[in-house]
Structure formats: C-alpha cells, structure tokens
Amino acid sequence: MSQVCGIQSFAYDDGPGRGVRALEFRTGSGLRFVALPDRAMDIAYAEFGGAPLCWVSGTGPVAPGFYSPHGWDWLRSFFGGMLTTCGLSNVGEACEDRGVYLPQEQFGAHGRISNTPAREIGYSAGWDGDRYLLRANGTMVETAAQGEKLVLRRTIESEMGACAITVSDVVANDCYAPCPFELLYHINIGYPLLDEGAHILAHCASVAGLDEASQRGVGSLGRLTGPRPDAPEEVFLLELVADADGMCSVAFANERFGEGRGLGVALRFPKAALPYFHVWKRLAQREYVLGFEPGNCTVQGRVRQRARGDLRHLQPGEKAASTIEIRVLASNEEIAAFARDNCVAPL
C-alpha cells in the first residue's frame, strides 16, 4: 500500500528547522501534505498534483526552541503553510492582560500554541472496512506553573483517493480556574493557486475592514491582482451565512489554473465553534499571500475581545471541540459544483 498512499515520518536536518519532526501524508489522489508534530501538528506544506496550494514564508519550519513570545516576534517562526494554529491564550495583537495567576502578564502576538511540540504522538494507515484511512494525532499542552493549563488534542485524517484533510481539535481546561480561550486557524493560500483573476467564493451577510486601509479596500476584497510593490496589508472580518446544518463553506478558486483546468481550496467548519472569519490580504512582491482565518475570536487581541464583552472562557474541566475540513477542488467542474451546492458566489 505504501506504493499508493501512506504516512512517512522524518525529521528536518538543516538550519533553524533542524530536528523538527514531520509526517508526510500521500493520499494517492495527488494530494500530499506535511504535518509537524513539533509545531502543534500544524501543516507546513501542501500540494496537489505537484502544484503548491499554500504560501510558505522565508522562515520555513523553525524549531520550537527558537520561539520568542515578545511583541510580534511570532513572525520570526511563522512558516505560513496550509495551517498555522493561533492561540490558545491570545490571538492577534500582542497585549498585556491579567493572567490566571499573575495580575499582569505579557501575551505575544498570536499566542504560543503553534510553537508547542506535541506529546503522545501516534499515526497509522490501514483499512477500515473498504476505506484505507490515514490518521495522525498528538497532544499539545500550553501551561505554566500556577498558570493556565490548556490541553489541545488534535487528530488529522485523510484517506486513500481523497482530496481532503480533516483537522479535529478538542481543547480542555485542566486548570483550577477559568481560562480565557482563543483559537484561530491561519490558512494561507499562495502562488500559483493565488494569482491574478482568482477569486473568493463565499455567502456572507457583511464585510468590514479592521483598520483604515482595510476599510478603504472593502469594495475590492475579491479583486486579486498579481504581486505589487505598493500593495497594502488588509484584514477583513466577514459575517458568513451558515447552512441548515450550521456549517460555513468558503473557497478560493483559480479557474485559469492549468490552462483553464481550474484549481481551488475549500473550507468547511461549524459556525457555532468558529463564529469569526477573517481574510488576510497581502498581495505584495515576495510576500504574496491570502489568508483564510476561521476562529472563535477576532485578530485584535484578548484585551480588545474582553472590552467587547465576548472573550471566550473555559471553566475548569470544560472542553471545546472544533473541526475544519480543507478540500481540494481539482477542476472548474468541481469549483462550479461547490458554488452551487453551498450557495456561494464570488466576492
């Protein structure tokens, strides 16, 4: 079966990524992706039929020992990739806020969890009835003595012949006190999927820019150009409309890809668990990326979230579950079917 599909474990052996453990999934459909147990089981690389699906920053998969919690130092280990997890105590801007034990504590941008190595790692490939399943799991603990103890248990699944990845998370508060809980999935689309003429497919009730530059760009959110030296960084908050099952669906599609064959990436996730959806748009030269960011919070930091009155907390022993599916749309026919079935339209 390893000729067709499977999971291969390895470790990087050069530069700041030296020693980082990795799991390479191959589904046999042309989908290949690499999850990093030493980086919260995040997905650093993904491709379909040899074509990259995601943007990877110049840092590459940096080992967690290089993580710095100060200010925006998070960017020095932000590899981008198909999935970077943000949280669990803070998402967005660095801030100072009261902690579980300390009266004031510094919380770095986008939190610690992406730089947290997994424990209790397992992976397998095998038959379940007539399906050949690929599965990996790990546990990440974000904790401090006399502080928070947030435990993230993650399972990544795919199967032979599939063009989809399912990431299932359960976060538990194993602390003695209520803990603020913020979680965001940072999914990063890059070239050649991201290109001039590509577009976002969504069913949304409203769009808002999070700063002045973004507010000016609301009307051109779905207008994607090639890389430009003067391209601003913009972040938008979309109010997505869920279907009858409470699920939100959104996609990025490039119908010109492959001489008109078409290629896209679609997300599906529960709105109750992940009510916020941001689009990060940075169409700059050498930093050419568009991010899809479902989460349970905004990207403005926990202090602003608290001021809004909707900072999520987990009580002692409480758990929160969320699942996100990342699916490849391998042709214009699949893109059209996704738009029709999910009532989404170009922005």
Protein backbone atom coordinates (compact mmCIF):
# COMPACT_ATOMS: atom_id res chain seq x y z
CA MET A 1 0.00 0.00 0.00
CA SER A 2 2.92 2.37 0.57
CA GLN A 3 3.36 2.44 -3.22
CA VAL A 4 -0.04 4.12 -3.43
CA CYS A 5 -0.50 6.13 -0.25
CA GLY A 6 0.56 6.34 3.37
CA ILE A 7 2.34 8.37 6.04
CA GLN A 8 6.12 8.71 6.21
CA SER A 9 7.85 10.12 9.30
CA PHE A 10 11.09 12.08 9.06
CA ALA A 11 12.96 14.99 10.66
CA TYR A 12 14.50 18.09 9.11
CA ASP A 13 18.28 18.24 9.29
CA ASP A 14 19.34 21.75 8.32
CA GLY A 15 19.10 25.35 9.52
CA PRO A 16 16.64 26.53 12.17
CA GLY A 17 14.33 23.62 11.34
CA ARG A 18 16.90 21.02 12.32
CA GLY A 19 15.35 18.27 14.42
CA VAL A 20 11.73 19.22 13.68
CA ARG A 21 9.70 16.02 13.37
CA ALA A 22 7.40 15.71 10.36
CA LEU A 23 4.73 13.41 8.96
CA GLU A 24 4.24 13.32 5.19
CA PHE A 25 0.77 12.22 4.05
CA ARG A 26 0.20 10.93 0.49
CA THR A 27 -3.38 10.01 -0.40
CA GLY A 28 -2.78 8.66 -3.90
CA SER A 29 -5.06 11.27 -5.45
CA GLY A 30 -2.23 13.75 -5.97
CA LEU A 31 -2.72 15.33 -2.54
CA ARG A 32 0.44 15.49 -0.44
CA PHE A 33 0.88 17.42 2.79
CA VAL A 34 3.32 17.59 5.70
CA ALA A 35 2.24 17.92 9.35
CA LEU A 36 4.74 18.93 12.04
CA PRO A 37 4.36 17.26 15.47
CA ASP A 38 6.96 19.67 16.88
CA ARG A 39 4.84 22.62 15.74
CA ALA A 40 1.42 21.75 17.20
CA MET A 41 0.67 19.24 14.41
CA ASP A 42 0.31 22.21 12.05
CA ILE A 43 0.50 21.63 8.29
CA ALA A 44 3.56 23.27 6.79
CA TYR A 45 3.29 22.20 3.14
CA ALA A 46 0.50 21.01 0.85
CA GLU A 47 0.36 20.35 -2.86
CA PHE A 48 -1.95 18.73 -5.38
CA GLY A 49 -0.58 17.10 -8.50
CA GLY A 50 2.75 18.78 -7.80
CA ALA A 51 1.22 22.28 -7.60
CA PRO A 52 1.73 24.12 -4.28
CA LEU A 53 -1.53 25.03 -2.56
CA CYS A 54 -0.18 27.26 0.18
CA TRP A 55 2.20 30.11 0.88
CA VAL A 56 5.36 29.35 2.87
CA SER A 57 7.27 32.23 4.45
CA GLY A 58 11.02 32.69 4.36
CA THR A 59 11.40 31.25 7.86
CA GLY A 60 10.46 27.71 6.87
CA PRO A 61 9.55 25.23 9.62
CA VAL A 62 11.53 26.74 12.52
CA ALA A 63 12.20 24.54 15.56
CA PRO A 64 10.12 25.49 18.62
CA GLY A 65 13.22 26.30 20.69
CA PHE A 66 13.66 29.48 18.64
CA TYR A 67 10.24 30.83 19.63
CA SER A 68 10.16 34.30 21.18
CA PRO A 69 6.97 35.43 22.95
CA HIS A 70 7.73 39.16 22.78
CA GLY A 71 5.56 41.50 20.74
CA TRP A 72 5.41 40.41 17.11
CA ASP A 73 8.47 38.12 17.36
CA TRP A 74 5.99 35.34 16.49
CA LEU A 75 6.61 36.35 12.87
CA ARG A 76 10.19 35.06 13.14
CA SER A 77 8.88 31.49 13.36
CA PHE A 78 5.68 31.88 11.30
CA PHE A 79 6.13 29.50 8.37
CA GLY A 80 2.63 30.16 6.98
CA GLY A 81 1.79 26.86 5.33
CA MET A 82 -1.56 25.19 4.87
CA LEU A 83 -2.35 25.61 8.57
CA THR A 84 -0.81 27.56 11.43
CA THR A 85 -2.79 27.42 14.68
CA CYS A 86 -3.09 30.65 16.71
CA GLY A 87 -3.92 30.77 20.43
CA LEU A 88 -4.70 29.37 22.89
CA SER A 89 -4.48 32.23 25.39
CA ASN A 90 -4.21 35.05 22.84
CA VAL A 91 -4.88 35.62 19.15
CA GLY A 92 -3.89 38.71 17.20
CA GLU A 93 -2.12 41.70 18.66
CA ALA A 94 0.36 41.37 21.48
CA CYS A 95 -1.05 42.76 24.70
CA GLU A 96 -0.76 42.93 28.48
CA ASP A 97 -3.63 41.45 30.45
CA ARG A 98 -4.31 39.77 33.77
CA GLY A 99 -3.36 36.11 33.80
CA VAL A 100 -4.65 33.12 35.71
CA TYR A 101 -2.06 33.63 38.47
CA LEU A 102 -0.19 36.87 37.68
CA PRO A 103 -2.03 40.19 37.98
CA GLN A 104 -0.42 41.34 34.71
CA GLU A 105 1.09 39.12 32.04
CA GLN A 106 2.55 39.71 28.57
CA PHE A 107 0.81 37.86 25.75
CA GLY A 108 2.70 37.74 22.47
CA ALA A 109 1.06 38.08 19.08
CA HIS A 110 -0.98 35.03 18.01
CA GLY A 111 -0.02 33.03 21.08
CA ARG A 112 2.27 30.12 21.89
CA ILE A 113 0.44 27.07 20.63
CA SER A 114 1.96 26.90 17.13
CA ASN A 115 5.41 26.68 18.70
CA THR A 116 4.40 23.94 21.16
CA PRO A 117 5.68 20.40 20.46
CA ALA A 118 3.20 17.55 20.60
CA ARG A 119 3.37 14.64 23.02
CA GLU A 120 1.55 11.29 22.82
CA ILE A 121 2.07 11.27 19.05
CA GLY A 122 0.59 8.46 17.00
CA TYR A 123 0.00 7.80 13.34
CA SER A 124 -1.44 4.93 11.31
CA ALA A 125 -2.52 3.86 7.85
CA GLY A 126 -4.88 0.94 7.43
CA TRP A 127 -8.18 -0.47 6.29
CA ASP A 128 -11.48 0.38 7.96
CA GLY A 129 -14.00 -1.63 6.01
CA ASP A 130 -13.50 -0.61 2.38
CA ARG A 131 -11.72 2.66 3.27
CA TYR A 132 -7.97 2.98 3.71
CA LEU A 133 -7.56 5.66 6.38
CA LEU A 134 -4.56 7.87 7.14
CA ARG A 135 -4.60 9.31 10.64
CA ALA A 136 -2.21 11.13 13.00
CA ASN A 137 -2.79 12.57 16.44
CA GLY A 138 -0.94 14.47 19.12
CA THR A 139 -1.47 16.42 22.33
CA MET A 140 -0.19 19.94 22.99
CA VAL A 141 -0.19 21.49 26.47
CA GLU A 142 0.01 25.26 26.92
CA THR A 143 0.80 25.73 30.59
CA ALA A 144 2.80 27.45 33.31
CA ALA A 145 3.36 26.66 36.97
CA GLN A 146 0.44 28.23 38.84
CA GLY A 147 -0.90 29.38 35.47
CA GLU A 148 -3.16 28.19 32.71
CA LYS A 149 -3.25 24.56 31.59
CA LEU A 150 -4.96 24.37 28.22
CA VAL A 151 -4.69 20.98 26.52
CA LEU A 152 -5.19 20.68 22.75
CA ARG A 153 -5.78 17.17 21.41
CA ARG A 154 -5.59 17.12 17.61
CA THR A 155 -6.38 14.45 15.03
CA ILE A 156 -5.53 14.84 11.34
CA GLU A 157 -7.28 12.49 8.91
CA SER A 158 -7.44 11.71 5.22
CA GLU A 159 -7.87 8.53 3.19
CA MET A 160 -6.74 6.75 0.07
CA GLY A 161 -8.00 8.54 -3.03
CA ALA A 162 -9.20 11.57 -1.06
CA CYS A 163 -8.62 15.22 -1.88
CA ALA A 164 -9.43 16.45 1.63
CA ILE A 165 -7.83 16.91 5.05
CA THR A 166 -9.88 16.91 8.25
CA VAL A 167 -8.44 18.54 11.38
CA SER A 168 -10.38 17.72 14.56
CA ASP A 169 -9.49 19.52 17.80
CA VAL A 170 -10.60 19.27 21.40
CA VAL A 171 -9.32 21.91 23.85
CA ALA A 172 -9.72 21.23 27.57
CA ASN A 173 -9.11 23.46 30.58
CA ASP A 174 -7.18 21.32 33.08
CA CYS A 175 -6.54 24.35 35.31
CA TYR A 176 -8.11 25.12 38.68
CA ALA A 177 -9.55 28.42 37.43
CA PRO A 178 -11.47 29.72 34.39
CA CYS A 179 -9.10 30.41 31.47
CA PRO A 180 -9.52 32.76 28.51
CA PHE A 181 -9.58 30.65 25.37
CA GLU A 182 -8.88 31.96 21.87
CA LEU A 183 -8.39 29.76 18.81
CA LEU A 184 -7.86 30.66 15.17
CA TYR A 185 -6.90 28.57 12.13
CA HIS A 186 -4.50 30.53 9.90
CA ILE A 187 -4.79 29.01 6.39
CA ASN A 188 -2.50 30.60 3.81
CA ILE A 189 -3.05 30.46 0.04
CA GLY A 190 -0.05 31.15 -2.20
CA TYR A 191 1.14 31.14 -5.81
CA PRO A 192 0.36 29.54 -8.26
CA LEU A 193 -3.14 28.99 -6.83
CA LEU A 194 -3.16 32.64 -5.79
CA ASP A 195 -2.81 34.64 -8.99
CA GLU A 196 -4.42 37.48 -10.91
CA GLY A 197 -8.02 36.64 -11.75
CA ALA A 198 -8.56 34.16 -8.91
CA HIS A 199 -11.44 34.82 -6.54
CA ILE A 200 -13.06 34.08 -3.18
CA LEU A 201 -16.35 32.17 -3.07
CA ALA A 202 -18.49 32.86 0.00
CA HIS A 203 -22.00 33.54 1.22
CA CYS A 204 -21.63 36.44 3.62
CA ALA A 205 -24.02 38.94 5.19
CA SER A 206 -21.43 41.68 5.72
CA VAL A 207 -17.78 42.63 5.26
CA ALA A 208 -15.83 45.03 7.48
CA GLY A 209 -12.24 46.27 7.33
CA LEU A 210 -10.33 46.14 10.62
CA ASP A 211 -8.30 49.31 10.03
CA GLU A 212 -8.40 52.38 7.78
CA ALA A 213 -6.52 50.77 4.89
CA SER A 214 -8.77 47.72 5.06
CA GLN A 215 -11.92 49.84 5.25
CA ARG A 216 -10.90 51.54 2.02
CA GLY A 217 -10.41 48.12 0.43
CA VAL A 218 -13.76 46.55 1.36
CA GLY A 219 -15.16 47.13 -2.12
CA SER A 220 -12.19 45.42 -3.76
CA LEU A 221 -11.82 42.50 -1.33
CA GLY A 222 -12.43 39.95 -4.07
CA ARG A 223 -10.28 41.72 -6.66
CA LEU A 224 -6.99 39.85 -6.77
CA THR A 225 -4.06 41.24 -8.71
CA GLY A 226 -0.56 39.98 -9.29
CA PRO A 227 2.16 40.96 -6.80
CA ARG A 228 2.66 44.72 -6.44
CA PRO A 229 5.39 46.63 -4.56
CA ASP A 230 2.80 49.08 -3.17
CA ALA A 231 0.17 46.52 -2.13
CA PRO A 232 -1.20 47.31 1.36
CA GLU A 233 -1.76 44.72 4.06
CA GLU A 234 -5.51 44.38 4.64
CA VAL A 235 -7.59 42.35 7.08
CA PHE A 236 -11.35 41.89 6.71
CA LEU A 237 -13.98 40.42 9.01
CA LEU A 238 -16.72 38.54 7.12
CA GLU A 239 -20.06 37.55 8.60
CA LEU A 240 -20.55 34.18 6.90
CA VAL A 241 -24.00 32.68 6.48
CA ALA A 242 -24.23 29.09 7.74
CA ASP A 243 -26.28 26.36 6.07
CA ALA A 244 -29.12 24.40 7.65
CA ASP A 245 -26.59 22.20 9.46
CA GLY A 246 -24.83 25.21 10.99
CA MET A 247 -21.79 24.81 8.73
CA CYS A 248 -19.95 27.57 6.89
CA SER A 249 -18.35 26.93 3.50
CA VAL A 250 -15.90 29.20 1.72
CA ALA A 251 -13.45 28.61 -1.11
CA PHE A 252 -10.58 30.13 -3.04
CA ALA A 253 -10.73 29.35 -6.75
CA ASN A 254 -8.48 29.94 -9.74
CA GLU A 255 -10.40 28.96 -12.87
CA ARG A 256 -7.49 29.91 -15.14
CA PHE A 257 -5.08 27.49 -13.49
CA GLY A 258 -3.59 24.73 -15.66
CA GLU A 259 -4.55 26.33 -18.97
CA GLY A 260 -8.17 26.58 -17.89
CA ARG A 261 -8.46 23.29 -15.99
CA GLY A 262 -9.04 25.13 -12.72
CA LEU A 263 -7.95 24.56 -9.12
CA GLY A 264 -9.29 25.62 -5.74
CA VAL A 265 -9.24 25.06 -1.99
CA ALA A 266 -12.46 24.93 0.04
CA LEU A 267 -13.06 25.11 3.80
CA ARG A 268 -15.99 23.80 5.81
CA PHE A 269 -16.38 24.39 9.54
CA PRO A 270 -19.09 24.83 12.23
CA LYS A 271 -20.11 28.43 12.83
CA ALA A 272 -21.08 27.77 16.46
CA ALA A 273 -17.50 26.79 17.31
CA LEU A 274 -15.79 29.26 14.94
CA PRO A 275 -18.11 32.27 14.58
CA TYR A 276 -15.46 34.71 13.27
CA PHE A 277 -13.96 34.57 9.79
CA HIS A 278 -11.16 36.86 8.66
CA VAL A 279 -9.48 37.30 5.29
CA TRP A 280 -5.86 38.45 5.37
CA LYS A 281 -4.87 40.00 2.04
CA ARG A 282 -1.23 40.79 1.34
CA LEU A 283 -0.54 40.95 -2.39
CA ALA A 284 3.00 42.30 -2.08
CA GLN A 285 6.04 41.23 -4.04
CA ARG A 286 7.79 38.28 -2.32
CA GLU A 287 5.08 38.32 0.37
CA TYR A 288 2.19 37.29 -1.90
CA VAL A 289 -0.44 35.59 0.22
CA LEU A 290 -4.14 35.46 1.02
CA GLY A 291 -5.21 34.01 4.36
CA PHE A 292 -8.49 32.39 5.40
CA GLU A 293 -8.85 32.59 9.20
CA PRO A 294 -11.84 30.95 10.93
CA GLY A 295 -11.74 31.30 14.70
CA ASN A 296 -13.63 31.81 17.95
CA CYS A 297 -12.30 35.38 18.30
CA THR A 298 -11.14 38.42 16.37
CA VAL A 299 -7.49 39.05 15.48
CA GLN A 300 -7.26 42.13 17.69
CA GLY A 301 -6.03 40.51 20.90
CA ARG A 302 -7.70 39.37 24.10
CA VAL A 303 -7.78 42.84 25.70
CA ARG A 304 -9.97 44.18 22.90
CA GLN A 305 -12.02 40.99 22.93
CA ARG A 306 -12.61 41.42 26.65
CA ALA A 307 -13.64 45.05 26.09
CA ARG A 308 -16.17 43.84 23.50
CA GLY A 309 -17.65 41.59 26.19
CA ASP A 310 -17.22 38.33 24.29
CA LEU A 311 -13.86 36.94 25.39
CA ARG A 312 -14.41 33.18 25.50
CA HIS A 313 -13.53 31.36 28.73
CA LEU A 314 -13.27 27.67 29.53
CA GLN A 315 -14.32 26.69 33.02
CA PRO A 316 -12.25 24.12 34.96
CA GLY A 317 -12.76 20.75 33.27
CA GLU A 318 -14.67 22.26 30.34
CA LYS A 319 -13.90 21.17 26.78
CA ALA A 320 -14.45 22.83 23.40
CA ALA A 321 -14.43 20.90 20.11
CA SER A 322 -13.98 22.15 16.56
CA THR A 323 -13.42 20.53 13.19
CA ILE A 324 -12.28 22.04 9.93
CA GLU A 325 -12.18 20.34 6.54
CA ILE A 326 -9.73 21.53 3.88
CA ARG A 327 -10.72 20.18 0.45
CA VAL A 328 -9.05 20.48 -2.95
CA LEU A 329 -11.32 21.47 -5.84
CA ALA A 330 -9.45 19.78 -8.68
CA SER A 331 -11.27 21.26 -11.69
CA ASN A 332 -13.61 24.01 -12.80
CA GLU A 333 -16.43 21.46 -12.69
CA GLU A 334 -15.74 20.85 -9.01
CA ILE A 335 -15.49 24.59 -8.36
CA ALA A 336 -18.88 25.14 -10.03
CA ALA A 337 -20.43 22.24 -8.10
CA PHE A 338 -19.09 23.61 -4.80
CA ALA A 339 -20.55 27.06 -5.56
CA ARG A 340 -23.92 25.57 -6.50
CA ASP A 341 -24.19 23.13 -3.60
CA ASN A 342 -23.14 25.66 -0.96
CA CYS A 343 -24.91 28.72 -2.39
CA VAL A 344 -21.66 30.70 -2.51
CA ALA A 345 -20.72 33.37 -5.04
CA PRO A 346 -17.61 35.40 -5.95
CA LEU A 347 -16.97 38.36 -3.68
